[in-house]
C-alpha atoms as a PDB file:
ATOM      1  CA  UNK A   1      23.681  -1.455  -4.277  1.00  0.00           C
ATOM      2  CA  UNK A   2      23.704  -2.538  -7.429  1.00  0.00           C
ATOM      3  CA  UNK A   3      21.300  -1.774 -10.360  1.00  0.00           C
ATOM      4  CA  UNK A   4      20.215  -5.287 -10.486  1.00  0.00           C
ATOM      5  CA  UNK A   5      19.475  -4.985  -6.684  1.00  0.00           C
ATOM      6  CA  UNK A   6      17.560  -1.857  -7.173  1.00  0.00           C
ATOM      7  CA  UNK A   7      15.598  -3.128 -10.166  1.00  0.00           C
ATOM      8  CA  UNK A   8      14.604  -6.068  -8.113  1.00  0.00           C
ATOM      9  CA  UNK A   9      13.576  -4.056  -5.000  1.00  0.00           C
ATOM     10  CA  UNK A  10      11.590  -1.652  -7.690  1.00  0.00           C
ATOM     11  CA  UNK A  11       9.738  -4.697  -9.097  1.00  0.00           C
ATOM     12  CA  UNK A  12       6.372  -5.288  -7.868  1.00  0.00           C
ATOM     13  CA  UNK A  13       6.044  -8.847  -6.385  1.00  0.00           C
ATOM     14  CA  UNK A  14       2.621  -9.707  -4.807  1.00  0.00           C
ATOM     15  CA  UNK A  15       1.858 -13.179  -3.618  1.00  0.00           C
ATOM     16  CA  UNK A  16      -1.482 -14.907  -4.205  1.00  0.00           C
ATOM     17  CA  UNK A  17      -3.562 -15.472  -1.244  1.00  0.00           C
ATOM     18  CA  UNK A  18      -6.136 -18.584  -1.538  1.00  0.00           C
ATOM     19  CA  UNK A  19      -8.950 -16.262   0.147  1.00  0.00           C
ATOM     20  CA  UNK A  20     -10.365 -12.662   0.384  1.00  0.00           C
ATOM     21  CA  UNK A  21      -8.969 -11.321   3.160  1.00  0.00           C
ATOM     22  CA  UNK A  22     -11.256  -9.030   5.556  1.00  0.00           C
ATOM     23  CA  UNK A  23     -11.545  -5.137   5.490  1.00  0.00           C
ATOM     24  CA  UNK A  24      -9.497  -4.774   9.295  1.00  0.00           C
ATOM     25  CA  UNK A  25      -6.868  -7.144   7.960  1.00  0.00           C
ATOM     26  CA  UNK A  26      -5.632  -5.212   4.996  1.00  0.00           C
ATOM     27  CA  UNK A  27      -3.009  -2.934   6.569  1.00  0.00           C
ATOM     28  CA  UNK A  28      -1.415  -6.560   7.686  1.00  0.00           C
ATOM     29  CA  UNK A  29      -1.173  -7.715   4.153  1.00  0.00           C
ATOM     30  CA  UNK A  30      -0.596  -4.547   1.945  1.00  0.00           C
ATOM     31  CA  UNK A  31       1.538  -1.272   1.834  1.00  0.00           C
ATOM     32  CA  UNK A  32      -1.577   0.925  -0.030  1.00  0.00           C
ATOM     33  CA  UNK A  33       1.138   3.732  -0.004  1.00  0.00           C
ATOM     34  CA  UNK A  34       3.655   1.943  -1.567  1.00  0.00           C
ATOM     35  CA  UNK A  35       4.573   3.086  -5.440  1.00  0.00           C
ATOM     36  CA  UNK A  36       3.956  -0.376  -6.632  1.00  0.00           C
ATOM     37  CA  UNK A  37       0.564  -0.835  -5.348  1.00  0.00           C
ATOM     38  CA  UNK A  38      -0.937   0.019  -8.229  1.00  0.00           C
ATOM     39  CA  UNK A  39       1.233  -2.880 -10.342  1.00  0.00           C
ATOM     40  CA  UNK A  40       0.697  -5.077  -7.994  1.00  0.00           C
ATOM     41  CA  UNK A  41      -2.862  -4.836  -7.797  1.00  0.00           C
ATOM     42  CA  UNK A  42      -2.868  -4.985 -11.996  1.00  0.00           C
ATOM     43  CA  UNK A  43      -0.659  -8.381 -11.392  1.00  0.00           C
ATOM     44  CA  UNK A  44      -3.508  -9.719  -9.186  1.00  0.00           C
ATOM     45  CA  UNK A  45      -6.386  -8.882 -11.154  1.00  0.00           C
ATOM     46  CA  UNK A  46      -4.762 -10.291 -14.224  1.00  0.00           C
ATOM     47  CA  UNK A  47      -4.103 -13.637 -12.713  1.00  0.00           C
ATOM     48  CA  UNK A  48      -7.661 -13.463 -11.290  1.00  0.00           C
ATOM     49  CA  UNK A  49      -6.187 -14.047  -7.817  1.00  0.00           C
ATOM     50  CA  UNK A  50      -8.963 -14.341  -5.297  1.00  0.00           C
ATOM     51  CA  UNK A  51      -6.586 -11.970  -3.077  1.00  0.00           C
ATOM     52  CA  UNK A  52      -2.805 -11.032  -2.719  1.00  0.00           C
ATOM     53  CA  UNK A  53      -0.292 -10.045   0.078  1.00  0.00           C
ATOM     54  CA  UNK A  54       2.390  -7.398  -0.113  1.00  0.00           C
ATOM     55  CA  UNK A  55       4.526  -9.290   3.277  1.00  0.00           C
ATOM     56  CA  UNK A  56       6.887 -11.238   1.088  1.00  0.00           C
ATOM     57  CA  UNK A  57       8.198  -8.527  -0.930  1.00  0.00           C
ATOM     58  CA  UNK A  58      11.042  -6.348   0.640  1.00  0.00           C
ATOM     59  CA  UNK A  59       9.394  -3.359  -0.035  1.00  0.00           C
ATOM     60  CA  UNK A  60       6.409  -3.843   2.501  1.00  0.00           C
ATOM     61  CA  UNK A  61       8.884  -2.808   5.250  1.00  0.00           C
ATOM     62  CA  UNK A  62       8.990   0.611   3.889  1.00  0.00           C
ATOM     63  CA  UNK A  63       6.144   2.017   5.512  1.00  0.00           C
ATOM     64  CA  UNK A  64       7.230   5.678   6.420  1.00  0.00           C
ATOM     65  CA  UNK A  65       4.909   7.111   3.980  1.00  0.00           C
ATOM     66  CA  UNK A  66       2.182   6.147   5.251  1.00  0.00           C
ATOM     67  CA  UNK A  67       2.357   6.715   8.708  1.00  0.00           C
ATOM     68  CA  UNK A  68       3.200  10.446   7.431  1.00  0.00           C
ATOM     69  CA  UNK A  69       0.172  10.613   5.474  1.00  0.00           C
ATOM     70  CA  UNK A  70      -1.839   8.938   8.431  1.00  0.00           C
ATOM     71  CA  UNK A  71      -0.935  12.064  10.592  1.00  0.00           C
ATOM     72  CA  UNK A  72      -1.042  14.701   7.883  1.00  0.00           C
ATOM     73  CA  UNK A  73      -4.745  13.362   6.874  1.00  0.00           C
ATOM     74  CA  UNK A  74      -5.703  13.139  10.734  1.00  0.00           C
ATOM     75  CA  UNK A  75      -4.551  16.894  11.260  1.00  0.00           C
ATOM     76  CA  UNK A  76      -6.423  17.878   8.373  1.00  0.00           C
ATOM     77  CA  UNK A  77      -9.619  16.459   9.193  1.00  0.00           C
ATOM     78  CA  UNK A  78      -8.978  18.531  12.731  1.00  0.00           C
ATOM     79  CA  UNK A  79      -8.149  21.406  11.207  1.00  0.00           C
ATOM     80  CA  UNK A  80     -11.231  21.022   8.355  1.00  0.00           C
ATOM     81  CA  UNK A  81     -13.633  20.625  11.524  1.00  0.00           C
ATOM     82  CA  UNK A  82     -12.917  24.033  13.408  1.00  0.00           C
ATOM     83  CA  UNK A  83     -12.964  25.947   9.991  1.00  0.00           C
ATOM     84  CA  UNK A  84     -15.418  27.004   7.908  1.00  0.00           C
ATOM     85  CA  UNK A  85     -15.520  26.048   4.152  1.00  0.00           C
ATOM     86  CA  UNK A  86     -16.570  29.360   1.997  1.00  0.00           C
ATOM     87  CA  UNK A  87     -17.355  29.205  -1.823  1.00  0.00           C
END
Protein backbone atom coordinates (compact mmCIF):
# COMPACT_ATOMS: atom_id res chain seq x y z
CA UNK A 1 0.00 0.00 0.00
CA UNK A 2 1.34 3.43 -0.93
CA UNK A 3 1.73 6.33 1.51
CA UNK A 4 -1.14 8.21 -0.17
CA UNK A 5 -3.49 5.25 0.29
CA UNK A 6 -2.52 4.87 3.93
CA UNK A 7 -3.05 8.58 4.48
CA UNK A 8 -6.51 8.41 2.92
CA UNK A 9 -7.48 5.50 5.14
CA UNK A 10 -6.27 7.33 8.24
CA UNK A 11 -8.14 10.56 7.39
CA UNK A 12 -11.49 11.03 9.07
CA UNK A 13 -14.30 10.74 6.55
CA UNK A 14 -17.67 11.21 8.24
CA UNK A 15 -20.83 11.69 6.19
CA UNK A 16 -23.61 14.04 7.25
CA UNK A 17 -27.01 12.60 8.08
CA UNK A 18 -30.07 14.84 7.71
CA UNK A 19 -31.56 13.90 11.09
CA UNK A 20 -30.34 12.65 14.47
CA UNK A 21 -30.07 8.90 14.91
CA UNK A 22 -31.75 7.00 17.71
CA UNK A 23 -29.57 5.69 20.53
CA UNK A 24 -30.26 2.11 19.41
CA UNK A 25 -28.93 2.88 15.91
CA UNK A 26 -25.55 4.31 16.92
CA UNK A 27 -23.65 1.06 16.37
CA UNK A 28 -25.09 0.81 12.84
CA UNK A 29 -23.72 4.25 11.96
CA UNK A 30 -20.60 4.75 14.03
CA UNK A 31 -17.50 2.86 15.10
CA UNK A 32 -17.02 4.27 18.60
CA UNK A 33 -13.67 2.50 18.93
CA UNK A 34 -12.15 3.93 15.75
CA UNK A 35 -9.00 6.00 16.31
CA UNK A 36 -10.54 8.67 14.04
CA UNK A 37 -13.82 8.89 15.99
CA UNK A 38 -12.91 12.13 17.79
CA UNK A 39 -11.74 13.95 14.63
CA UNK A 40 -14.94 12.85 12.88
CA UNK A 41 -17.03 14.10 15.78
CA UNK A 42 -15.11 17.39 15.67
CA UNK A 43 -15.87 17.70 11.94
CA UNK A 44 -19.58 17.08 12.51
CA UNK A 45 -19.69 19.64 15.31
CA UNK A 46 -17.73 22.27 13.37
CA UNK A 47 -20.04 21.83 10.36
CA UNK A 48 -23.13 21.84 12.65
CA UNK A 49 -24.46 18.61 11.15
CA UNK A 50 -27.70 17.24 12.68
CA UNK A 51 -26.00 13.84 12.79
CA UNK A 52 -23.33 11.82 10.98
CA UNK A 53 -22.31 8.33 9.98
CA UNK A 54 -19.07 6.41 9.51
CA UNK A 55 -20.73 3.94 7.11
CA UNK A 56 -18.96 5.22 3.97
CA UNK A 57 -15.53 5.36 5.61
CA UNK A 58 -13.16 2.44 4.89
CA UNK A 59 -12.23 2.37 8.58
CA UNK A 60 -15.84 1.58 9.53
CA UNK A 61 -15.28 -2.08 8.67
CA UNK A 62 -12.37 -2.33 11.12
CA UNK A 63 -14.34 -3.25 14.21
CA UNK A 64 -12.22 -5.94 15.87
CA UNK A 65 -11.15 -3.62 18.69
CA UNK A 66 -14.75 -2.96 19.66
CA UNK A 67 -15.50 -6.67 19.93
CA UNK A 68 -12.41 -7.27 22.04
CA UNK A 69 -13.18 -4.32 24.30
CA UNK A 70 -16.77 -5.48 24.73
CA UNK A 71 -15.62 -8.93 25.78
CA UNK A 72 -13.06 -7.39 28.13
CA UNK A 73 -15.67 -5.06 29.64
CA UNK A 74 -18.14 -7.90 30.11
CA UNK A 75 -15.51 -10.04 31.82
CA UNK A 76 -14.54 -7.17 34.12
CA UNK A 77 -18.18 -6.60 35.08
CA UNK A 78 -18.51 -10.28 35.99
CA UNK A 79 -15.29 -10.20 38.01
CA UNK A 80 -16.31 -6.97 39.72
CA UNK A 81 -19.67 -8.37 40.76
CA UNK A 82 -17.99 -11.29 42.49
CA UNK A 83 -15.09 -9.47 44.13
CA UNK A 84 -15.36 -7.07 47.02
CA UNK A 85 -13.71 -3.70 46.56
CA UNK A 86 -11.37 -2.66 49.34
CA UNK A 87 -10.03 0.84 49.88
